[in-house]
Amino acid sequence: MMSFRLDRRLAIPLALLLIISSTTLLYLNRPLWFDLSIPNSTTSQPETQIQLPVVPVPIPIPFPVSPPEPHPPPPPTKPNPFAFVFYATNPGYACSALLLIRQLASLSPGIPTVLMAPPDLNQTYLDPFTAYNTTILRIEPPQLHEGGNDYYTSVLLKLMAFGLHQRLPHLQRIVVLDSDQTIRKPLDNLFTLPTTDIAAPIAYWLHPDQKITSTLLVISLSDRLWNEVEQGMKDIRKDEYDMDLVNRLFYPRRVMVLPGSYCTLNSHWEAKDLPVWMQRNETGLQGLWDDEAVVVHFTAVGKPWGVNLPSSRVSKKNAHPRLLGMIQEWVDEARRACTAGWRY
């Protein structure tokens, strides 16, 4: 027995402390008894012996807990109703389309891209598009009228974009771009234009004739519109191509005309003249390139993938330096990004 001589005033608090301590010792399987000697107020009285047993404290048993109710899965993300659309019929155009998609990834990020290509275009030239999640659609180009110019044999592939909603039902509005261009400014604002069947730039170089160009088309997809264009391609006239058909079907009553800056010809840097739509002539050709051109179309010198730069530097020595500068930049980028074989 263990004995302690304590002041009576401390007996009860100490007893409680020992009960708590004994619980811990019981948990450790170590029984313990305490003998407390508490003196009376008069020292001559005999000591009072207090024997405290260890009081077992029951260990609580947890009730079983039901697993939490599973959260409902998040609603599926709606696919983007917009897309930039390109077409490519040979390795050079495929490479140029890839460069445009790379530009748009910086200028207008977050908008999906689609590339239409004929079944016979080698897959090797399309493999680089996977890095940009481009949707590749193999589509047979419609035939031109018998006797049409062989150079434009596959050009009606572009107009198959009017029916893309039947292949990709989530699409509502698309921007279709020729591949032989370079983009200078963001284009995502075109998706929020007012409601219209199509929008396209004015072909300002044909002045005084008034026509639109098909190098850039903003299309609000619908079965009605596709049926009309599909029938138009079936009834294509002799010496009629994509631009001619679009004008015959839509211009001027059913088209929103965009400024000429959306199809700026690169021939201005060859002839050293300014387009009629330019707003700040005092900035000259450098200002046209830096500030006002939205899309530049390659017409002068030829398509970048077919230009002989050393020869052109001689033949075009009087042109503005930006003319061959934009070709050189295209070639440098193509060497980094495209599959070998894009040159003629």
C-alpha atoms as a PDB file:
ATOM      1  CA  MET A   1       0.000   0.000   0.000  1.00  0.00           C
ATOM      2  CA  MET A   2       1.124   3.503  -0.763  1.00  0.00           C
ATOM      3  CA  SER A   3       0.353   6.125   1.923  1.00  0.00           C
ATOM      4  CA  PHE A   4       0.275   9.905   1.682  1.00  0.00           C
ATOM      5  CA  ARG A   5      -0.360  12.510   4.347  1.00  0.00           C
ATOM      6  CA  LEU A   6      -2.483  15.225   2.807  1.00  0.00           C
ATOM      7  CA  ASP A   7      -4.336  18.306   3.875  1.00  0.00           C
ATOM      8  CA  ARG A   8      -8.066  17.485   3.915  1.00  0.00           C
ATOM      9  CA  ARG A   9      -8.744  20.346   1.461  1.00  0.00           C
ATOM     10  CA  LEU A  10      -6.694  18.592  -1.199  1.00  0.00           C
ATOM     11  CA  ALA A  11      -8.260  15.171  -0.785  1.00  0.00           C
ATOM     12  CA  ILE A  12     -11.156  15.471  -3.197  1.00  0.00           C
ATOM     13  CA  PRO A  13      -9.256  17.170  -6.096  1.00  0.00           C
ATOM     14  CA  LEU A  14      -6.462  14.688  -5.729  1.00  0.00           C
ATOM     15  CA  ALA A  15      -8.923  11.791  -5.649  1.00  0.00           C
ATOM     16  CA  LEU A  16     -10.396  12.918  -8.937  1.00  0.00           C
ATOM     17  CA  LEU A  17      -6.935  13.259 -10.436  1.00  0.00           C
ATOM     18  CA  LEU A  18      -6.069   9.753  -9.363  1.00  0.00           C
ATOM     19  CA  ILE A  19      -9.295   8.334 -10.800  1.00  0.00           C
ATOM     20  CA  ILE A  20      -8.405   9.877 -14.160  1.00  0.00           C
ATOM     21  CA  SER A  21      -4.864   8.574 -13.928  1.00  0.00           C
ATOM     22  CA  SER A  22      -6.104   5.125 -13.010  1.00  0.00           C
ATOM     23  CA  THR A  23      -8.160   5.025 -16.173  1.00  0.00           C
ATOM     24  CA  THR A  24      -4.989   5.380 -18.187  1.00  0.00           C
ATOM     25  CA  LEU A  25      -3.254   2.696 -16.184  1.00  0.00           C
ATOM     26  CA  LEU A  26      -6.232   0.393 -16.565  1.00  0.00           C
ATOM     27  CA  TYR A  27      -6.011   0.864 -20.283  1.00  0.00           C
ATOM     28  CA  LEU A  28      -2.423  -0.307 -19.994  1.00  0.00           C
ATOM     29  CA  ASN A  29      -3.495  -3.349 -17.908  1.00  0.00           C
ATOM     30  CA  ARG A  30      -1.708  -2.101 -14.804  1.00  0.00           C
ATOM     31  CA  PRO A  31      -4.101  -2.214 -11.789  1.00  0.00           C
ATOM     32  CA  LEU A  32      -3.265   0.141  -8.961  1.00  0.00           C
ATOM     33  CA  TRP A  33      -4.663   0.814  -5.467  1.00  0.00           C
ATOM     34  CA  PHE A  34      -4.100   3.928  -3.464  1.00  0.00           C
ATOM     35  CA  ASP A  35      -4.207   4.297   0.348  1.00  0.00           C
ATOM     36  CA  LEU A  36      -4.676   7.876   1.327  1.00  0.00           C
ATOM     37  CA  SER A  37      -4.031   8.911   4.943  1.00  0.00           C
ATOM     38  CA  ILE A  38      -5.841  12.171   5.589  1.00  0.00           C
ATOM     39  CA  PRO A  39      -5.097  13.786   8.909  1.00  0.00           C
ATOM     40  CA  ASN A  40      -7.850  15.199  11.150  1.00  0.00           C
ATOM     41  CA  SER A  41      -7.659  18.785  12.223  1.00  0.00           C
ATOM     42  CA  THR A  42      -6.402  17.547  15.630  1.00  0.00           C
ATOM     43  CA  THR A  43      -3.112  15.774  15.304  1.00  0.00           C
ATOM     44  CA  SER A  44      -3.889  13.471  18.236  1.00  0.00           C
ATOM     45  CA  GLN A  45      -6.699  11.685  16.375  1.00  0.00           C
ATOM     46  CA  PRO A  46      -5.869   8.500  14.539  1.00  0.00           C
ATOM     47  CA  GLU A  47      -5.291   8.631  10.825  1.00  0.00           C
ATOM     48  CA  THR A  48      -8.166   7.904   8.476  1.00  0.00           C
ATOM     49  CA  GLN A  49      -7.345   5.274   5.858  1.00  0.00           C
ATOM     50  CA  ILE A  50      -8.986   5.835   2.397  1.00  0.00           C
ATOM     51  CA  GLN A  51      -8.652   3.052  -0.083  1.00  0.00           C
ATOM     52  CA  LEU A  52      -9.612   3.977  -3.698  1.00  0.00           C
ATOM     53  CA  PRO A  53     -10.131   1.251  -6.220  1.00  0.00           C
ATOM     54  CA  VAL A  54      -9.316   1.806  -9.873  1.00  0.00           C
ATOM     55  CA  VAL A  55     -12.638   2.529 -11.585  1.00  0.00           C
ATOM     56  CA  PRO A  56     -12.799   1.110 -15.100  1.00  0.00           C
ATOM     57  CA  VAL A  57     -13.975   3.560 -17.736  1.00  0.00           C
ATOM     58  CA  PRO A  58     -15.742   2.023 -20.705  1.00  0.00           C
ATOM     59  CA  ILE A  59     -14.141   2.684 -24.063  1.00  0.00           C
ATOM     60  CA  PRO A  60     -16.726   4.147 -26.457  1.00  0.00           C
ATOM     61  CA  ILE A  61     -17.461   2.070 -29.540  1.00  0.00           C
ATOM     62  CA  PRO A  62     -18.037   4.233 -32.611  1.00  0.00           C
ATOM     63  CA  PHE A  63     -21.268   3.779 -34.480  1.00  0.00           C
ATOM     64  CA  PRO A  64     -20.860   2.678 -38.110  1.00  0.00           C
ATOM     65  CA  VAL A  65     -20.807   5.669 -40.459  1.00  0.00           C
ATOM     66  CA  SER A  66     -22.521   5.409 -43.800  1.00  0.00           C
ATOM     67  CA  PRO A  67     -20.382   6.477 -46.779  1.00  0.00           C
ATOM     68  CA  PRO A  68     -21.212   9.952 -48.046  1.00  0.00           C
ATOM     69  CA  GLU A  69     -23.660  10.226 -50.874  1.00  0.00           C
ATOM     70  CA  PRO A  70     -21.751  10.468 -54.163  1.00  0.00           C
ATOM     71  CA  HIS A  71     -21.847  13.869 -55.834  1.00  0.00           C
ATOM     72  CA  PRO A  72     -23.555  13.925 -59.203  1.00  0.00           C
ATOM     73  CA  PRO A  73     -21.067  14.118 -62.076  1.00  0.00           C
ATOM     74  CA  PRO A  74     -20.480  17.602 -63.499  1.00  0.00           C
ATOM     75  CA  PRO A  75     -22.526  18.395 -66.580  1.00  0.00           C
ATOM     76  CA  PRO A  76     -20.665  17.650 -69.817  1.00  0.00           C
ATOM     77  CA  THR A  77     -18.821  20.570 -71.354  1.00  0.00           C
ATOM     78  CA  LYS A  78     -20.561  21.843 -74.435  1.00  0.00           C
ATOM     79  CA  PRO A  79     -18.342  21.732 -77.525  1.00  0.00           C
ATOM     80  CA  ASN A  80     -17.341  25.053 -78.989  1.00  0.00           C
ATOM     81  CA  PRO A  81     -19.817  26.116 -81.699  1.00  0.00           C
ATOM     82  CA  PHE A  82     -17.092  28.041 -83.552  1.00  0.00           C
ATOM     83  CA  ALA A  83     -14.120  26.891 -85.625  1.00  0.00           C
ATOM     84  CA  PHE A  84     -11.473  28.132 -88.018  1.00  0.00           C
ATOM     85  CA  VAL A  85     -11.580  26.000 -91.148  1.00  0.00           C
ATOM     86  CA  PHE A  86      -8.864  25.413 -93.764  1.00  0.00           C
ATOM     87  CA  TYR A  87      -8.438  23.211 -96.774  1.00  0.00           C
ATOM     88  CA  ALA A  88      -5.290  21.787 -98.327  1.00  0.00           C
ATOM     89  CA  THR A  89      -4.900  19.897-101.578  1.00  0.00           C
ATOM     90  CA  ASN A  90      -1.095  19.496-101.723  1.00  0.00           C
ATOM     91  CA  PRO A  91       1.902  19.554 -99.337  1.00  0.00           C
ATOM     92  CA  GLY A  92       2.535  23.285 -99.826  1.00  0.00           C
ATOM     93  CA  TYR A  93      -0.998  24.277 -98.907  1.00  0.00           C
ATOM     94  CA  ALA A  94      -0.969  21.834 -95.994  1.00  0.00           C
ATOM     95  CA  CYS A  95       2.194  23.438 -94.641  1.00  0.00           C
ATOM     96  CA  SER A  96       0.773  26.927 -95.035  1.00  0.00           C
ATOM     97  CA  ALA A  97      -2.461  25.910 -93.274  1.00  0.00           C
ATOM     98  CA  LEU A  98      -0.361  24.596 -90.386  1.00  0.00           C
ATOM     99  CA  LEU A  99       1.471  27.921 -90.105  1.00  0.00           C
ATOM    100  CA  LEU A 100      -1.847  29.786 -90.016  1.00  0.00           C
ATOM    101  CA  ILE A 101      -3.097  27.522 -87.227  1.00  0.00           C
ATOM    102  CA  ARG A 102       0.099  28.237 -85.299  1.00  0.00           C
ATOM    103  CA  GLN A 103      -0.524  31.968 -85.736  1.00  0.00           C
ATOM    104  CA  LEU A 104      -4.119  31.659 -84.555  1.00  0.00           C
ATOM    105  CA  ALA A 105      -3.005  29.717 -81.484  1.00  0.00           C
ATOM    106  CA  SER A 106      -1.369  32.976 -80.403  1.00  0.00           C
ATOM    107  CA  LEU A 107      -3.695  35.584 -81.925  1.00  0.00           C
ATOM    108  CA  SER A 108      -7.087  33.921 -81.284  1.00  0.00           C
ATOM    109  CA  PRO A 109      -6.464  31.100 -78.782  1.00  0.00           C
ATOM    110  CA  GLY A 110      -9.074  28.606 -77.660  1.00  0.00           C
ATOM    111  CA  ILE A 111     -10.995  28.283 -80.927  1.00  0.00           C
ATOM    112  CA  PRO A 112     -10.916  24.826 -82.559  1.00  0.00           C
ATOM    113  CA  THR A 113      -9.515  24.276 -86.034  1.00  0.00           C
ATOM    114  CA  VAL A 114     -10.614  22.007 -88.861  1.00  0.00           C
ATOM    115  CA  LEU A 115      -8.692  20.974 -91.969  1.00  0.00           C
ATOM    116  CA  MET A 116     -10.362  19.521 -95.047  1.00  0.00           C
ATOM    117  CA  ALA A 117      -8.090  17.424 -97.265  1.00  0.00           C
ATOM    118  CA  PRO A 118      -8.670  15.099-100.226  1.00  0.00           C
ATOM    119  CA  PRO A 119      -8.307  11.356 -99.606  1.00  0.00           C
ATOM    120  CA  ASP A 120      -5.140  11.104-101.701  1.00  0.00           C
ATOM    121  CA  LEU A 121      -3.067  13.650 -99.723  1.00  0.00           C
ATOM    122  CA  ASN A 122      -0.330  11.725 -97.911  1.00  0.00           C
ATOM    123  CA  GLN A 123      -0.950  11.457 -94.165  1.00  0.00           C
ATOM    124  CA  THR A 124       2.666  12.448 -93.510  1.00  0.00           C
ATOM    125  CA  TYR A 125       1.800  16.053 -94.321  1.00  0.00           C
ATOM    126  CA  LEU A 126      -1.125  16.022 -91.920  1.00  0.00           C
ATOM    127  CA  ASP A 127       0.593  14.490 -88.897  1.00  0.00           C
ATOM    128  CA  PRO A 128       1.910  17.845 -87.529  1.00  0.00           C
ATOM    129  CA  PHE A 129      -1.679  19.056 -87.069  1.00  0.00           C
ATOM    130  CA  THR A 130      -2.203  16.652 -84.162  1.00  0.00           C
ATOM    131  CA  ALA A 131      -0.128  18.967 -81.948  1.00  0.00           C
ATOM    132  CA  TYR A 132      -2.910  21.570 -82.338  1.00  0.00           C
ATOM    133  CA  ASN A 133      -5.863  19.157 -81.972  1.00  0.00           C
ATOM    134  CA  THR A 134      -6.981  20.003 -85.481  1.00  0.00           C
ATOM    135  CA  THR A 135      -9.876  17.910 -86.762  1.00  0.00           C
ATOM    136  CA  ILE A 136      -8.892  16.355 -90.096  1.00  0.00           C
ATOM    137  CA  LEU A 137     -11.705  15.582 -92.529  1.00  0.00           C
ATOM    138  CA  ARG A 138     -10.986  13.610 -95.670  1.00  0.00           C
ATOM    139  CA  ILE A 139     -13.389  14.919 -98.317  1.00  0.00           C
ATOM    140  CA  GLU A 140     -13.471  14.322-102.044  1.00  0.00           C
ATOM    141  CA  PRO A 141     -13.390  17.706-103.862  1.00  0.00           C
ATOM    142  CA  PRO A 142     -16.387  18.373-106.130  1.00  0.00           C
ATOM    143  CA  GLN A 143     -15.681  18.478-109.833  1.00  0.00           C
ATOM    144  CA  LEU A 144     -15.464  21.676-111.845  1.00  0.00           C
ATOM    145  CA  HIS A 145     -17.311  22.147-115.097  1.00  0.00           C
ATOM    146  CA  GLU A 146     -15.763  20.153-117.912  1.00  0.00           C
ATOM    147  CA  GLY A 147     -12.957  22.161-119.461  1.00  0.00           C
ATOM    148  CA  GLY A 148     -12.201  24.157-116.302  1.00  0.00           C
ATOM    149  CA  ASN A 149      -8.697  25.403-115.537  1.00  0.00           C
ATOM    150  CA  ASP A 150      -6.600  22.540-114.136  1.00  0.00           C
ATOM    151  CA  TYR A 151      -4.935  24.936-111.691  1.00  0.00           C
ATOM    152  CA  TYR A 152      -8.250  25.188-109.830  1.00  0.00           C
ATOM    153  CA  THR A 153      -9.133  21.502-110.022  1.00  0.00           C
ATOM    154  CA  SER A 154      -9.737  21.034-106.297  1.00  0.00           C
ATOM    155  CA  VAL A 155     -10.750  24.571-105.374  1.00  0.00           C
ATOM    156  CA  LEU A 156     -14.401  23.646-104.706  1.00  0.00           C
ATOM    157  CA  LEU A 157     -13.231  21.673-101.675  1.00  0.00           C
ATOM    158  CA  LYS A 158     -13.385  25.012 -99.846  1.00  0.00           C
ATOM    159  CA  LEU A 159     -17.146  25.258-100.392  1.00  0.00           C
ATOM    160  CA  MET A 160     -17.680  21.874 -98.725  1.00  0.00           C
ATOM    161  CA  ALA A 161     -17.283  23.890 -95.517  1.00  0.00           C
ATOM    162  CA  PHE A 162     -20.917  25.006 -95.957  1.00  0.00           C
ATOM    163  CA  GLY A 163     -21.923  21.456 -95.002  1.00  0.00           C
ATOM    164  CA  LEU A 164     -19.621  20.918 -92.039  1.00  0.00           C
ATOM    165  CA  HIS A 165     -22.512  20.984 -89.559  1.00  0.00           C
ATOM    166  CA  GLN A 166     -23.612  17.646 -91.004  1.00  0.00           C
ATOM    167  CA  ARG A 167     -20.234  16.134 -90.128  1.00  0.00           C
ATOM    168  CA  LEU A 168     -19.662  18.125 -86.919  1.00  0.00           C
ATOM    169  CA  PRO A 169     -23.180  18.890 -85.624  1.00  0.00           C
ATOM    170  CA  HIS A 170     -22.021  21.174 -82.798  1.00  0.00           C
ATOM    171  CA  LEU A 171     -20.713  23.802 -85.229  1.00  0.00           C
ATOM    172  CA  GLN A 172     -22.829  26.899 -85.772  1.00  0.00           C
ATOM    173  CA  ARG A 173     -20.512  29.525 -87.244  1.00  0.00           C
ATOM    174  CA  ILE A 174     -17.157  29.030 -88.937  1.00  0.00           C
ATOM    175  CA  VAL A 175     -14.443  31.191 -90.477  1.00  0.00           C
ATOM    176  CA  VAL A 176     -13.030  29.594 -93.624  1.00  0.00           C
ATOM    177  CA  LEU A 177      -9.571  30.765 -94.680  1.00  0.00           C
ATOM    178  CA  ASP A 178      -7.482  30.152 -97.760  1.00  0.00           C
ATOM    179  CA  SER A 179      -4.139  28.684 -96.766  1.00  0.00           C
ATOM    180  CA  ASP A 180      -1.962  30.943 -98.962  1.00  0.00           C
ATOM    181  CA  GLN A 181      -2.123  33.865 -96.539  1.00  0.00           C
ATOM    182  CA  THR A 182      -0.589  35.198 -93.364  1.00  0.00           C
ATOM    183  CA  ILE A 183      -2.583  36.566 -90.424  1.00  0.00           C
ATOM    184  CA  ARG A 184      -1.618  39.865 -88.828  1.00  0.00           C
ATOM    185  CA  LYS A 185      -4.428  40.493 -86.312  1.00  0.00           C
ATOM    186  CA  PRO A 186      -6.851  38.451 -84.151  1.00  0.00           C
ATOM    187  CA  LEU A 187      -9.890  37.054 -85.974  1.00  0.00           C
ATOM    188  CA  ASP A 188     -12.106  35.811 -83.129  1.00  0.00           C
ATOM    189  CA  ASN A 189     -14.250  38.971 -83.404  1.00  0.00           C
ATOM    190  CA  LEU A 190     -15.680  37.534 -86.636  1.00  0.00           C
ATOM    191  CA  PHE A 191     -17.642  34.928 -84.688  1.00  0.00           C
ATOM    192  CA  THR A 192     -19.691  37.634 -82.973  1.00  0.00           C
ATOM    193  CA  LEU A 193     -20.746  39.497 -86.108  1.00  0.00           C
ATOM    194  CA  PRO A 194     -24.487  40.185 -86.445  1.00  0.00           C
ATOM    195  CA  THR A 195     -26.583  37.363 -87.842  1.00  0.00           C
ATOM    196  CA  THR A 196     -26.006  36.850 -91.544  1.00  0.00           C
ATOM    197  CA  ASP A 197     -25.687  33.925 -93.946  1.00  0.00           C
ATOM    198  CA  ILE A 198     -22.121  34.840 -94.870  1.00  0.00           C
ATOM    199  CA  ALA A 199     -19.631  37.657 -94.487  1.00  0.00           C
ATOM    200  CA  ALA A 200     -16.634  38.195 -96.769  1.00  0.00           C
ATOM    201  CA  PRO A 201     -14.113  40.930 -97.646  1.00  0.00           C
ATOM    202  CA  ILE A 202     -14.625  43.251-100.558  1.00  0.00           C
ATOM    203  CA  ALA A 203     -12.429  42.406-103.550  1.00  0.00           C
ATOM    204  CA  TYR A 204     -11.177  45.984-103.669  1.00  0.00           C
ATOM    205  CA  TRP A 205      -8.600  45.335-106.417  1.00  0.00           C
ATOM    206  CA  LEU A 206     -11.408  44.693-108.928  1.00  0.00           C
ATOM    207  CA  HIS A 207     -12.669  48.280-108.656  1.00  0.00           C
ATOM    208  CA  PRO A 208     -14.866  49.580-110.269  1.00  0.00           C
ATOM    209  CA  ASP A 209     -16.402  46.085-110.346  1.00  0.00           C
ATOM    210  CA  GLN A 210     -18.042  45.263-107.039  1.00  0.00           C
ATOM    211  CA  LYS A 211     -17.487  41.729-105.806  1.00  0.00           C
ATOM    212  CA  ILE A 212     -16.510  39.892-102.664  1.00  0.00           C
ATOM    213  CA  THR A 213     -13.556  37.554-102.363  1.00  0.00           C
ATOM    214  CA  SER A 214     -13.776  34.012-101.028  1.00  0.00           C
ATOM    215  CA  THR A 215     -10.318  34.031 -99.419  1.00  0.00           C
ATOM    216  CA  LEU A 216     -12.077  34.484 -96.065  1.00  0.00           C
ATOM    217  CA  LEU A 217     -15.692  33.459 -95.450  1.00  0.00           C
ATOM    218  CA  VAL A 218     -17.694  33.774 -92.251  1.00  0.00           C
ATOM    219  CA  ILE A 219     -20.495  31.194 -92.571  1.00  0.00           C
ATOM    220  CA  SER A 220     -23.549  30.704 -90.373  1.00  0.00           C
ATOM    221  CA  LEU A 221     -24.143  27.008 -90.965  1.00  0.00           C
ATOM    222  CA  SER A 222     -27.610  25.740 -91.878  1.00  0.00           C
ATOM    223  CA  ASP A 223     -29.212  23.037 -94.006  1.00  0.00           C
ATOM    224  CA  ARG A 224     -30.864  25.724 -96.106  1.00  0.00           C
ATOM    225  CA  LEU A 225     -27.561  27.359 -96.953  1.00  0.00           C
ATOM    226  CA  TRP A 226     -25.773  24.053 -97.592  1.00  0.00           C
ATOM    227  CA  ASN A 227     -28.514  22.821 -99.945  1.00  0.00           C
ATOM    228  CA  GLU A 228     -28.181  26.001-101.965  1.00  0.00           C
ATOM    229  CA  VAL A 229     -24.402  25.825-102.233  1.00  0.00           C
ATOM    230  CA  GLU A 230     -24.414  22.083-102.934  1.00  0.00           C
ATOM    231  CA  GLN A 231     -26.824  22.580-105.807  1.00  0.00           C
ATOM    232  CA  GLY A 232     -24.742  25.488-107.060  1.00  0.00           C
ATOM    233  CA  MET A 233     -21.647  23.254-107.219  1.00  0.00           C
ATOM    234  CA  LYS A 234     -23.603  20.624-109.145  1.00  0.00           C
ATOM    235  CA  ASP A 235     -24.662  23.300-111.624  1.00  0.00           C
ATOM    236  CA  ILE A 236     -21.254  25.011-111.788  1.00  0.00           C
ATOM    237  CA  ARG A 237     -20.816  26.937-115.016  1.00  0.00           C
ATOM    238  CA  LYS A 238     -17.907  26.907-117.388  1.00  0.00           C
ATOM    239  CA  ASP A 239     -15.028  29.101-116.180  1.00  0.00           C
ATOM    240  CA  GLU A 240     -16.785  29.474-112.827  1.00  0.00           C
ATOM    241  CA  TYR A 241     -14.843  28.773-109.624  1.00  0.00           C
ATOM    242  CA  ASP A 242     -15.375  29.196-105.888  1.00  0.00           C
ATOM    243  CA  MET A 243     -15.305  33.003-105.829  1.00  0.00           C
ATOM    244  CA  ASP A 244     -17.550  33.253-108.870  1.00  0.00           C
ATOM    245  CA  LEU A 245     -20.132  30.905-107.396  1.00  0.00           C
ATOM    246  CA  VAL A 246     -20.191  32.667-104.012  1.00  0.00           C
ATOM    247  CA  ASN A 247     -20.789  36.009-105.751  1.00  0.00           C
ATOM    248  CA  ARG A 248     -23.499  34.564-107.978  1.00  0.00           C
ATOM    249  CA  LEU A 249     -25.363  33.073-105.026  1.00  0.00           C
ATOM    250  CA  PHE A 250     -24.960  35.777-102.379  1.00  0.00           C
ATOM    251  CA  TYR A 251     -23.650  39.130-103.579  1.00  0.00           C
ATOM    252  CA  PRO A 252     -24.868  41.786-102.971  1.00  0.00           C
ATOM    253  CA  ARG A 253     -28.175  41.073-101.223  1.00  0.00           C
ATOM    254  CA  ARG A 254     -27.250  38.281 -98.838  1.00  0.00           C
ATOM    255  CA  VAL A 255     -23.742  39.010 -97.681  1.00  0.00           C
ATOM    256  CA  MET A 256     -22.151  41.222 -95.055  1.00  0.00           C
ATOM    257  CA  VAL A 257     -19.206  42.922 -96.729  1.00  0.00           C
ATOM    258  CA  LEU A 258     -16.022  43.097 -94.658  1.00  0.00           C
ATOM    259  CA  PRO A 259     -13.264  45.687 -95.161  1.00  0.00           C
ATOM    260  CA  GLY A 260     -10.516  45.026 -97.679  1.00  0.00           C
ATOM    261  CA  SER A 261      -8.029  44.725 -94.807  1.00  0.00           C
ATOM    262  CA  TYR A 262      -9.262  41.130 -94.358  1.00  0.00           C
ATOM    263  CA  CYS A 263      -7.702  40.289 -97.735  1.00  0.00           C
ATOM    264  CA  THR A 264      -4.763  42.630 -98.232  1.00  0.00           C
ATOM    265  CA  LEU A 265      -2.837  41.703-101.379  1.00  0.00           C
ATOM    266  CA  ASN A 266       0.917  41.431-100.912  1.00  0.00           C
ATOM    267  CA  SER A 267       1.319  42.998-104.357  1.00  0.00           C
ATOM    268  CA  HIS A 268       1.169  46.415-102.644  1.00  0.00           C
ATOM    269  CA  TRP A 269       4.723  45.836-101.388  1.00  0.00           C
ATOM    270  CA  GLU A 270       5.756  44.946-104.935  1.00  0.00           C
ATOM    271  CA  ALA A 271       4.136  47.945-106.666  1.00  0.00           C
ATOM    272  CA  LYS A 272       4.787  50.267-103.691  1.00  0.00           C
ATOM    273  CA  ASP A 273       1.220  51.543-103.674  1.00  0.00           C
ATOM    274  CA  LEU A 274      -1.406  51.701-100.947  1.00  0.00           C
ATOM    275  CA  PRO A 275      -4.901  50.174-100.941  1.00  0.00           C
ATOM    276  CA  VAL A 276      -7.844  52.510-101.331  1.00  0.00           C
ATOM    277  CA  TRP A 277      -9.229  51.490 -97.925  1.00  0.00           C
ATOM    278  CA  MET A 278      -6.103  52.438 -95.958  1.00  0.00           C
ATOM    279  CA  GLN A 279      -6.908  54.994 -93.259  1.00  0.00           C
ATOM    280  CA  ARG A 280      -3.468  56.409 -92.448  1.00  0.00           C
ATOM    281  CA  ASN A 281      -1.608  56.808 -95.707  1.00  0.00           C
ATOM    282  CA  GLU A 282       1.151  58.757 -93.989  1.00  0.00           C
ATOM    283  CA  THR A 283       2.405  55.559 -92.331  1.00  0.00           C
ATOM    284  CA  GLY A 284       3.144  54.046 -95.730  1.00  0.00           C
ATOM    285  CA  LEU A 285       3.715  50.384 -96.539  1.00  0.00           C
ATOM    286  CA  GLN A 286       5.301  49.664 -93.184  1.00  0.00           C
ATOM    287  CA  GLY A 287       2.213  51.014 -91.477  1.00  0.00           C
ATOM    288  CA  LEU A 288       0.059  48.860 -93.748  1.00  0.00           C
ATOM    289  CA  TRP A 289       1.939  45.786 -92.541  1.00  0.00           C
ATOM    290  CA  ASP A 290       2.203  46.764 -88.876  1.00  0.00           C
ATOM    291  CA  ASP A 291      -1.150  48.385 -88.202  1.00  0.00           C
ATOM    292  CA  GLU A 292      -3.862  48.046 -90.844  1.00  0.00           C
ATOM    293  CA  ALA A 293      -3.646  44.720 -92.667  1.00  0.00           C
ATOM    294  CA  VAL A 294      -5.603  41.976 -90.886  1.00  0.00           C
ATOM    295  CA  VAL A 295      -4.895  39.164 -93.361  1.00  0.00           C
ATOM    296  CA  VAL A 296      -2.314  39.337 -96.156  1.00  0.00           C
ATOM    297  CA  HIS A 297      -2.880  37.193 -99.241  1.00  0.00           C
ATOM    298  CA  PHE A 298       0.118  35.901-101.217  1.00  0.00           C
ATOM    299  CA  THR A 299      -0.329  36.890-104.869  1.00  0.00           C
ATOM    300  CA  ALA A 300       2.845  38.702-106.003  1.00  0.00           C
ATOM    301  CA  VAL A 301       5.988  36.601-106.565  1.00  0.00           C
ATOM    302  CA  GLY A 302       4.002  33.386-106.065  1.00  0.00           C
ATOM    303  CA  LYS A 303       3.114  31.111-103.213  1.00  0.00           C
ATOM    304  CA  PRO A 304       5.843  31.059-100.536  1.00  0.00           C
ATOM    305  CA  TRP A 305       6.499  27.325-100.919  1.00  0.00           C
ATOM    306  CA  GLY A 306       7.318  27.834-104.596  1.00  0.00           C
ATOM    307  CA  VAL A 307       9.381  31.044-104.478  1.00  0.00           C
ATOM    308  CA  ASN A 308      13.056  31.004-105.420  1.00  0.00           C
ATOM    309  CA  LEU A 309      14.287  33.620-102.982  1.00  0.00           C
ATOM    310  CA  PRO A 310      17.804  34.171-104.413  1.00  0.00           C
ATOM    311  CA  SER A 311      16.329  34.739-107.866  1.00  0.00           C
ATOM    312  CA  SER A 312      13.543  36.928-106.530  1.00  0.00           C
ATOM    313  CA  ARG A 313      15.990  39.159-104.702  1.00  0.00           C
ATOM    314  CA  VAL A 314      17.397  40.047-108.108  1.00  0.00           C
ATOM    315  CA  SER A 315      14.131  40.320-110.032  1.00  0.00           C
ATOM    316  CA  LYS A 316      12.339  42.205-107.244  1.00  0.00           C
ATOM    317  CA  LYS A 317      15.211  44.417-106.091  1.00  0.00           C
ATOM    318  CA  ASN A 318      13.083  47.546-106.464  1.00  0.00           C
ATOM    319  CA  ALA A 319      10.223  46.205-104.368  1.00  0.00           C
ATOM    320  CA  HIS A 320       9.655  47.172-100.764  1.00  0.00           C
ATOM    321  CA  PRO A 321      11.823  44.961 -98.489  1.00  0.00           C
ATOM    322  CA  ARG A 322       8.696  43.664 -96.757  1.00  0.00           C
ATOM    323  CA  LEU A 323       7.638  41.807 -99.944  1.00  0.00           C
ATOM    324  CA  LEU A 324      10.420  39.224 -99.739  1.00  0.00           C
ATOM    325  CA  GLY A 325      10.671  39.660 -95.989  1.00  0.00           C
ATOM    326  CA  MET A 326       7.255  38.050 -95.492  1.00  0.00           C
ATOM    327  CA  ILE A 327       8.232  35.207 -97.858  1.00  0.00           C
ATOM    328  CA  GLN A 328      11.492  34.608 -95.974  1.00  0.00           C
ATOM    329  CA  GLU A 329       9.643  34.524 -92.645  1.00  0.00           C
ATOM    330  CA  TRP A 330       7.192  31.985 -94.052  1.00  0.00           C
ATOM    331  CA  VAL A 331      10.038  29.761 -95.302  1.00  0.00           C
ATOM    332  CA  ASP A 332      11.902  29.944 -91.976  1.00  0.00           C
ATOM    333  CA  GLU A 333       8.773  28.942 -90.064  1.00  0.00           C
ATOM    334  CA  ALA A 334       7.962  26.146 -92.513  1.00  0.00           C
ATOM    335  CA  ARG A 335      11.416  24.625 -92.018  1.00  0.00           C
ATOM    336  CA  ARG A 336      10.771  24.484 -88.281  1.00  0.00           C
ATOM    337  CA  ALA A 337       7.174  23.265 -88.301  1.00  0.00           C
ATOM    338  CA  CYS A 338       6.269  21.393 -91.477  1.00  0.00           C
ATOM    339  CA  THR A 339       6.950  17.919 -92.778  1.00  0.00           C
ATOM    340  CA  ALA A 340       9.746  17.895 -95.342  1.00  0.00           C
ATOM    341  CA  GLY A 341       8.486  17.959 -98.906  1.00  0.00           C
ATOM    342  CA  TRP A 342       6.381  21.118 -98.820  1.00  0.00           C
ATOM    343  CA  ARG A 343       8.363  22.794-101.597  1.00  0.00           C
ATOM    344  CA  TYR A 344       7.343  22.411-105.218  1.00  0.00           C
END
